[in-house]
Amino acid sequence: MVLRLSLVLALQMGLAAVAQGSHASLWPTQILDSPDNGQHLAVSVIEPQEAGGLFTELAGRSDIPYGFLLDGNYARAHKMVRILEDRGVTAAKAWVEGELFVDSKRFGEVGLSYHVAPVVFVREGKVPAAQVLDPSLFDRPVSYAMWKAKLVAKGKAKLTRAYFTSRFAYDPDDRAKALTDYDEESLRDMNRTNRDFDRKLFMFDRMTALKSH
């Protein structure tokens, strides 16, 4: 049976990844430029079906409290990029800062000072496009432009800055840092924050259910 070229390349990259370690990228990369903070980031270029599958996997994680839009987007994004890395995908992070507003099923309108989510390149025809994987706001991968537009869609919203960082950045203070690995304290805070907000989400839903009866 003749294998398609894309599959052959994927197999070759997989073998190379085994030789380099479990976190090596299984996909080709392309540079994502971020003029705001002067960063040039190597980000995986994946196929649309791969992006959809990864999104479904991320959205199905019970240990990431996507519904707690009030806070914790930094910890959710950090967990997601590490999962993507385990799948051989090198993601970056897309950030928007300002006076942002999104609607939540649980909490109504939520105001945010910033929001962050993983971004990868998805092959669309001949030109890969930046797409964001953000189950807290969408039910599928969406273009970076659509993701950013949702956060500033309301008339009272104000965009201060938009930029990309490497997957290692944890909060806006890391915006201009040239990081090369995950900070151990950030990883501990990631686990603690996701766990705490998951409990808060559970208690909120429980109290809401009791009130409805």
C-alpha atoms as a PDB file:
ATOM      1  CA  MET A   1       0.000   0.000   0.000  1.00  0.00           C
ATOM      2  CA  VAL A   2       1.358   3.398  -0.965  1.00  0.00           C
ATOM      3  CA  LEU A   3       1.419   5.870   1.917  1.00  0.00           C
ATOM      4  CA  ARG A   4       0.489   9.486   1.298  1.00  0.00           C
ATOM      5  CA  LEU A   5       3.415  11.897   1.423  1.00  0.00           C
ATOM      6  CA  SER A   6       2.001  13.697   4.489  1.00  0.00           C
ATOM      7  CA  LEU A   7       1.819  10.425   6.391  1.00  0.00           C
ATOM      8  CA  VAL A   8       5.376   9.501   5.398  1.00  0.00           C
ATOM      9  CA  LEU A   9       6.603  12.874   6.630  1.00  0.00           C
ATOM     10  CA  ALA A  10       4.679  12.469   9.865  1.00  0.00           C
ATOM     11  CA  LEU A  11       6.240   9.059  10.438  1.00  0.00           C
ATOM     12  CA  GLN A  12       9.698  10.421   9.715  1.00  0.00           C
ATOM     13  CA  MET A  13       9.169  13.312  12.129  1.00  0.00           C
ATOM     14  CA  GLY A  14       7.848  10.893  14.717  1.00  0.00           C
ATOM     15  CA  LEU A  15      10.994   8.796  14.513  1.00  0.00           C
ATOM     16  CA  ALA A  16      13.092  11.913  14.867  1.00  0.00           C
ATOM     17  CA  ALA A  17      11.057  12.938  17.888  1.00  0.00           C
ATOM     18  CA  VAL A  18      11.678   9.599  19.568  1.00  0.00           C
ATOM     19  CA  ALA A  19      15.393  10.155  19.129  1.00  0.00           C
ATOM     20  CA  GLN A  20      15.183  13.705  20.528  1.00  0.00           C
ATOM     21  CA  GLY A  21      12.815  13.058  23.439  1.00  0.00           C
ATOM     22  CA  SER A  22       9.106  12.735  24.142  1.00  0.00           C
ATOM     23  CA  HIS A  23       8.461  16.487  23.834  1.00  0.00           C
ATOM     24  CA  ALA A  24      10.020  17.027  20.409  1.00  0.00           C
ATOM     25  CA  SER A  25       7.718  18.413  17.741  1.00  0.00           C
ATOM     26  CA  LEU A  26       6.130  15.857  15.405  1.00  0.00           C
ATOM     27  CA  TRP A  27       5.170  18.558  12.926  1.00  0.00           C
ATOM     28  CA  PRO A  28       7.015  21.104  10.793  1.00  0.00           C
ATOM     29  CA  THR A  29       7.192  24.590  12.257  1.00  0.00           C
ATOM     30  CA  GLN A  30       6.749  28.098  10.947  1.00  0.00           C
ATOM     31  CA  ILE A  31       7.795  31.390  12.521  1.00  0.00           C
ATOM     32  CA  LEU A  32       5.058  33.392  14.215  1.00  0.00           C
ATOM     33  CA  ASP A  33       6.106  37.034  14.472  1.00  0.00           C
ATOM     34  CA  SER A  34       4.987  39.203  17.379  1.00  0.00           C
ATOM     35  CA  PRO A  35       5.910  42.846  16.675  1.00  0.00           C
ATOM     36  CA  ASP A  36       4.583  44.120  20.014  1.00  0.00           C
ATOM     37  CA  ASN A  37       7.223  42.307  22.055  1.00  0.00           C
ATOM     38  CA  GLY A  38       9.784  41.522  19.355  1.00  0.00           C
ATOM     39  CA  GLN A  39       9.427  37.761  19.565  1.00  0.00           C
ATOM     40  CA  HIS A  40       9.777  35.308  16.683  1.00  0.00           C
ATOM     41  CA  LEU A  41       8.333  31.956  17.670  1.00  0.00           C
ATOM     42  CA  ALA A  42       8.645  28.547  16.028  1.00  0.00           C
ATOM     43  CA  VAL A  43       5.120  27.098  16.020  1.00  0.00           C
ATOM     44  CA  SER A  44       3.887  23.767  14.671  1.00  0.00           C
ATOM     45  CA  VAL A  45       2.000  23.639  11.367  1.00  0.00           C
ATOM     46  CA  ILE A  46      -0.714  20.989  11.647  1.00  0.00           C
ATOM     47  CA  GLU A  47      -3.543  19.722   9.469  1.00  0.00           C
ATOM     48  CA  PRO A  48      -7.161  20.847  10.007  1.00  0.00           C
ATOM     49  CA  GLN A  49      -8.272  17.398  11.143  1.00  0.00           C
ATOM     50  CA  GLU A  50      -5.411  17.292  13.626  1.00  0.00           C
ATOM     51  CA  ALA A  51      -6.410  20.707  14.995  1.00  0.00           C
ATOM     52  CA  GLY A  52      -9.992  19.529  15.395  1.00  0.00           C
ATOM     53  CA  GLY A  53      -8.933  16.357  17.159  1.00  0.00           C
ATOM     54  CA  LEU A  54      -6.648  18.213  19.538  1.00  0.00           C
ATOM     55  CA  PHE A  55      -9.364  20.740  20.311  1.00  0.00           C
ATOM     56  CA  THR A  56     -11.792  17.930  21.131  1.00  0.00           C
ATOM     57  CA  GLU A  57      -9.233  16.325  23.413  1.00  0.00           C
ATOM     58  CA  LEU A  58      -8.513  19.589  25.213  1.00  0.00           C
ATOM     59  CA  ALA A  59     -12.198  20.459  25.558  1.00  0.00           C
ATOM     60  CA  GLY A  60     -12.881  17.053  27.083  1.00  0.00           C
ATOM     61  CA  ARG A  61     -10.322  17.397  29.867  1.00  0.00           C
ATOM     62  CA  SER A  62     -12.007  17.276  33.265  1.00  0.00           C
ATOM     63  CA  ASP A  63      -8.945  18.780  34.969  1.00  0.00           C
ATOM     64  CA  ILE A  64      -9.169  22.135  33.138  1.00  0.00           C
ATOM     65  CA  PRO A  65     -12.008  24.368  34.459  1.00  0.00           C
ATOM     66  CA  TYR A  66     -12.970  26.107  31.212  1.00  0.00           C
ATOM     67  CA  GLY A  67     -16.261  27.262  32.673  1.00  0.00           C
ATOM     68  CA  PHE A  68     -14.622  29.476  35.304  1.00  0.00           C
ATOM     69  CA  LEU A  69     -14.233  32.489  33.043  1.00  0.00           C
ATOM     70  CA  LEU A  70     -13.871  34.839  36.007  1.00  0.00           C
ATOM     71  CA  ASP A  71     -10.192  33.969  36.413  1.00  0.00           C
ATOM     72  CA  GLY A  72      -7.477  31.418  35.737  1.00  0.00           C
ATOM     73  CA  ASN A  73      -7.098  31.674  31.944  1.00  0.00           C
ATOM     74  CA  TYR A  74      -3.304  31.743  32.425  1.00  0.00           C
ATOM     75  CA  ALA A  75      -3.341  28.390  34.235  1.00  0.00           C
ATOM     76  CA  ARG A  76      -5.711  26.828  31.704  1.00  0.00           C
ATOM     77  CA  ALA A  77      -3.541  27.956  28.792  1.00  0.00           C
ATOM     78  CA  HIS A  78      -0.387  26.657  30.490  1.00  0.00           C
ATOM     79  CA  LYS A  79      -1.981  23.243  30.997  1.00  0.00           C
ATOM     80  CA  MET A  80      -3.162  23.147  27.383  1.00  0.00           C
ATOM     81  CA  VAL A  81       0.209  23.963  25.821  1.00  0.00           C
ATOM     82  CA  ARG A  82       1.814  21.218  27.891  1.00  0.00           C
ATOM     83  CA  ILE A  83      -0.772  18.706  26.688  1.00  0.00           C
ATOM     84  CA  LEU A  84      -0.154  19.817  23.114  1.00  0.00           C
ATOM     85  CA  GLU A  85       3.565  19.425  23.672  1.00  0.00           C
ATOM     86  CA  ASP A  86       2.976  15.868  24.887  1.00  0.00           C
ATOM     87  CA  ARG A  87       1.213  15.257  21.561  1.00  0.00           C
ATOM     88  CA  GLY A  88       4.230  16.540  19.626  1.00  0.00           C
ATOM     89  CA  VAL A  89       2.738  19.964  18.877  1.00  0.00           C
ATOM     90  CA  THR A  90       4.707  23.126  19.657  1.00  0.00           C
ATOM     91  CA  ALA A  91       2.164  25.838  20.406  1.00  0.00           C
ATOM     92  CA  ALA A  92       2.660  29.484  21.247  1.00  0.00           C
ATOM     93  CA  LYS A  93       0.320  31.616  23.340  1.00  0.00           C
ATOM     94  CA  ALA A  94      -1.933  34.377  22.046  1.00  0.00           C
ATOM     95  CA  TRP A  95      -2.568  37.246  24.469  1.00  0.00           C
ATOM     96  CA  VAL A  96      -4.970  40.174  24.449  1.00  0.00           C
ATOM     97  CA  GLU A  97      -4.832  42.889  27.113  1.00  0.00           C
ATOM     98  CA  GLY A  98      -7.264  45.701  27.817  1.00  0.00           C
ATOM     99  CA  GLU A  99     -10.826  46.084  29.039  1.00  0.00           C
ATOM    100  CA  LEU A 100     -12.307  42.858  27.716  1.00  0.00           C
ATOM    101  CA  PHE A 101     -15.807  41.436  28.064  1.00  0.00           C
ATOM    102  CA  VAL A 102     -17.212  37.995  27.317  1.00  0.00           C
ATOM    103  CA  ASP A 103     -20.555  36.381  28.068  1.00  0.00           C
ATOM    104  CA  SER A 104     -20.597  33.321  30.296  1.00  0.00           C
ATOM    105  CA  LYS A 105     -23.442  30.830  30.692  1.00  0.00           C
ATOM    106  CA  ARG A 106     -22.802  30.634  34.431  1.00  0.00           C
ATOM    107  CA  PHE A 107     -21.750  34.150  35.394  1.00  0.00           C
ATOM    108  CA  GLY A 108     -23.298  36.391  32.765  1.00  0.00           C
ATOM    109  CA  GLU A 109     -21.036  39.111  31.441  1.00  0.00           C
ATOM    110  CA  VAL A 110     -17.456  38.730  32.638  1.00  0.00           C
ATOM    111  CA  GLY A 111     -14.869  41.506  32.549  1.00  0.00           C
ATOM    112  CA  LEU A 112     -11.216  40.634  32.044  1.00  0.00           C
ATOM    113  CA  SER A 113      -7.988  42.611  32.007  1.00  0.00           C
ATOM    114  CA  TYR A 114      -6.392  40.030  29.715  1.00  0.00           C
ATOM    115  CA  HIS A 115      -7.024  36.651  28.133  1.00  0.00           C
ATOM    116  CA  VAL A 116      -4.656  33.985  26.809  1.00  0.00           C
ATOM    117  CA  ALA A 117      -4.963  30.706  24.907  1.00  0.00           C
ATOM    118  CA  PRO A 118      -2.774  28.370  22.787  1.00  0.00           C
ATOM    119  CA  VAL A 119      -2.171  29.224  19.149  1.00  0.00           C
ATOM    120  CA  VAL A 120      -0.875  26.960  16.357  1.00  0.00           C
ATOM    121  CA  PHE A 121      -0.602  27.165  12.594  1.00  0.00           C
ATOM    122  CA  VAL A 122      -3.240  25.179  10.699  1.00  0.00           C
ATOM    123  CA  ARG A 123      -2.681  24.364   7.058  1.00  0.00           C
ATOM    124  CA  GLU A 124      -5.427  25.941   4.956  1.00  0.00           C
ATOM    125  CA  GLY A 125      -4.577  25.432   1.317  1.00  0.00           C
ATOM    126  CA  LYS A 126      -1.028  26.576   0.633  1.00  0.00           C
ATOM    127  CA  VAL A 127      -0.812  29.176   3.404  1.00  0.00           C
ATOM    128  CA  PRO A 128      -0.874  28.069   7.070  1.00  0.00           C
ATOM    129  CA  ALA A 129      -3.018  30.320   9.248  1.00  0.00           C
ATOM    130  CA  ALA A 130      -2.780  31.041  12.961  1.00  0.00           C
ATOM    131  CA  GLN A 131      -5.651  29.407  14.841  1.00  0.00           C
ATOM    132  CA  VAL A 132      -6.447  29.555  18.544  1.00  0.00           C
ATOM    133  CA  LEU A 133      -7.581  26.569  20.611  1.00  0.00           C
ATOM    134  CA  ASP A 134      -9.775  28.025  23.351  1.00  0.00           C
ATOM    135  CA  PRO A 135     -12.583  25.774  24.681  1.00  0.00           C
ATOM    136  CA  SER A 136     -13.500  28.448  27.237  1.00  0.00           C
ATOM    137  CA  LEU A 137     -14.839  30.663  24.424  1.00  0.00           C
ATOM    138  CA  PHE A 138     -15.425  28.465  21.351  1.00  0.00           C
ATOM    139  CA  ASP A 139     -16.471  24.951  20.370  1.00  0.00           C
ATOM    140  CA  ARG A 140     -13.805  24.559  17.681  1.00  0.00           C
ATOM    141  CA  PRO A 141     -10.444  25.990  16.590  1.00  0.00           C
ATOM    142  CA  VAL A 142     -10.909  29.536  15.288  1.00  0.00           C
ATOM    143  CA  SER A 143      -8.757  32.042  13.478  1.00  0.00           C
ATOM    144  CA  TYR A 144      -6.681  34.353  15.618  1.00  0.00           C
ATOM    145  CA  ALA A 145      -8.647  37.312  14.220  1.00  0.00           C
ATOM    146  CA  MET A 146     -11.978  35.765  15.257  1.00  0.00           C
ATOM    147  CA  TRP A 147     -10.682  34.935  18.729  1.00  0.00           C
ATOM    148  CA  LYS A 148      -9.397  38.454  19.321  1.00  0.00           C
ATOM    149  CA  ALA A 149     -12.559  40.017  17.892  1.00  0.00           C
ATOM    150  CA  LYS A 150     -14.766  38.126  20.364  1.00  0.00           C
ATOM    151  CA  LEU A 151     -12.860  39.612  23.293  1.00  0.00           C
ATOM    152  CA  VAL A 152     -13.288  43.195  22.108  1.00  0.00           C
ATOM    153  CA  ALA A 153     -16.671  42.858  20.406  1.00  0.00           C
ATOM    154  CA  LYS A 154     -18.615  44.957  22.901  1.00  0.00           C
ATOM    155  CA  GLY A 155     -18.674  48.700  22.433  1.00  0.00           C
ATOM    156  CA  LYS A 156     -17.254  49.400  25.888  1.00  0.00           C
ATOM    157  CA  ALA A 157     -14.248  47.123  25.342  1.00  0.00           C
ATOM    158  CA  LYS A 158     -10.811  48.636  24.883  1.00  0.00           C
ATOM    159  CA  LEU A 159      -7.813  46.868  23.377  1.00  0.00           C
ATOM    160  CA  THR A 160      -4.501  47.811  24.974  1.00  0.00           C
ATOM    161  CA  ARG A 161      -2.226  45.338  23.250  1.00  0.00           C
ATOM    162  CA  ALA A 162      -2.204  41.999  21.469  1.00  0.00           C
ATOM    163  CA  TYR A 163       0.861  39.792  21.151  1.00  0.00           C
ATOM    164  CA  PHE A 164       2.261  36.274  21.130  1.00  0.00           C
ATOM    165  CA  THR A 165       4.714  34.567  23.482  1.00  0.00           C
ATOM    166  CA  SER A 166       6.344  31.189  23.669  1.00  0.00           C
ATOM    167  CA  ARG A 167       4.482  28.408  25.439  1.00  0.00           C
ATOM    168  CA  PHE A 168       6.735  28.934  28.480  1.00  0.00           C
ATOM    169  CA  ALA A 169       5.294  32.362  29.369  1.00  0.00           C
ATOM    170  CA  TYR A 170       2.868  32.139  32.289  1.00  0.00           C
ATOM    171  CA  ASP A 171       1.408  35.626  32.799  1.00  0.00           C
ATOM    172  CA  PRO A 172       1.627  39.088  31.178  1.00  0.00           C
ATOM    173  CA  ASP A 173       4.794  39.853  33.164  1.00  0.00           C
ATOM    174  CA  ASP A 174       6.536  37.334  30.871  1.00  0.00           C
ATOM    175  CA  ARG A 175       5.550  39.261  27.733  1.00  0.00           C
ATOM    176  CA  ALA A 176       9.058  40.312  26.678  1.00  0.00           C
ATOM    177  CA  LYS A 177      11.057  37.482  28.252  1.00  0.00           C
ATOM    178  CA  ALA A 178      13.022  35.071  26.060  1.00  0.00           C
ATOM    179  CA  LEU A 179      12.093  31.928  27.983  1.00  0.00           C
ATOM    180  CA  THR A 180      13.429  28.515  27.030  1.00  0.00           C
ATOM    181  CA  ASP A 181      11.719  26.239  29.550  1.00  0.00           C
ATOM    182  CA  TYR A 182       8.870  26.004  32.019  1.00  0.00           C
ATOM    183  CA  ASP A 183       9.356  27.617  35.409  1.00  0.00           C
ATOM    184  CA  GLU A 184       8.811  25.106  38.214  1.00  0.00           C
ATOM    185  CA  GLU A 185       6.930  27.562  40.418  1.00  0.00           C
ATOM    186  CA  SER A 186       4.622  28.386  37.512  1.00  0.00           C
ATOM    187  CA  LEU A 187       3.899  24.686  37.021  1.00  0.00           C
ATOM    188  CA  ARG A 188       3.012  24.323  40.683  1.00  0.00           C
ATOM    189  CA  ASP A 189       0.783  27.389  40.491  1.00  0.00           C
ATOM    190  CA  MET A 190      -0.818  26.024  37.311  1.00  0.00           C
ATOM    191  CA  ASN A 191      -1.860  22.816  39.055  1.00  0.00           C
ATOM    192  CA  ARG A 192      -2.977  24.622  42.199  1.00  0.00           C
ATOM    193  CA  THR A 193      -4.995  27.230  40.292  1.00  0.00           C
ATOM    194  CA  ASN A 194      -6.758  24.750  38.023  1.00  0.00           C
ATOM    195  CA  ARG A 195      -7.579  22.548  40.996  1.00  0.00           C
ATOM    196  CA  ASP A 196      -8.900  25.450  43.092  1.00  0.00           C
ATOM    197  CA  PHE A 197     -11.058  26.895  40.312  1.00  0.00           C
ATOM    198  CA  ASP A 198     -12.388  23.446  39.457  1.00  0.00           C
ATOM    199  CA  ARG A 199     -13.587  23.131  43.057  1.00  0.00           C
ATOM    200  CA  LYS A 200     -15.124  26.611  42.947  1.00  0.00           C
ATOM    201  CA  LEU A 201     -16.910  25.732  39.718  1.00  0.00           C
ATOM    202  CA  PHE A 202     -18.247  22.540  41.278  1.00  0.00           C
ATOM    203  CA  MET A 203     -19.525  24.398  44.343  1.00  0.00           C
ATOM    204  CA  PHE A 204     -21.099  27.121  42.194  1.00  0.00           C
ATOM    205  CA  ASP A 205     -22.940  24.566  40.081  1.00  0.00           C
ATOM    206  CA  ARG A 206     -24.067  22.694  43.185  1.00  0.00           C
ATOM    207  CA  MET A 207     -25.408  25.831  44.857  1.00  0.00           C
ATOM    208  CA  THR A 208     -27.159  26.846  41.640  1.00  0.00           C
ATOM    209  CA  ALA A 209     -28.809  23.423  41.414  1.00  0.00           C
ATOM    210  CA  LEU A 210     -29.986  23.632  45.033  1.00  0.00           C
ATOM    211  CA  LYS A 211     -31.470  27.095  44.492  1.00  0.00           C
ATOM    212  CA  SER A 212     -33.350  25.905  41.418  1.00  0.00           C
ATOM    213  CA  HIS A 213     -35.160  23.342  43.563  1.00  0.00           C
END
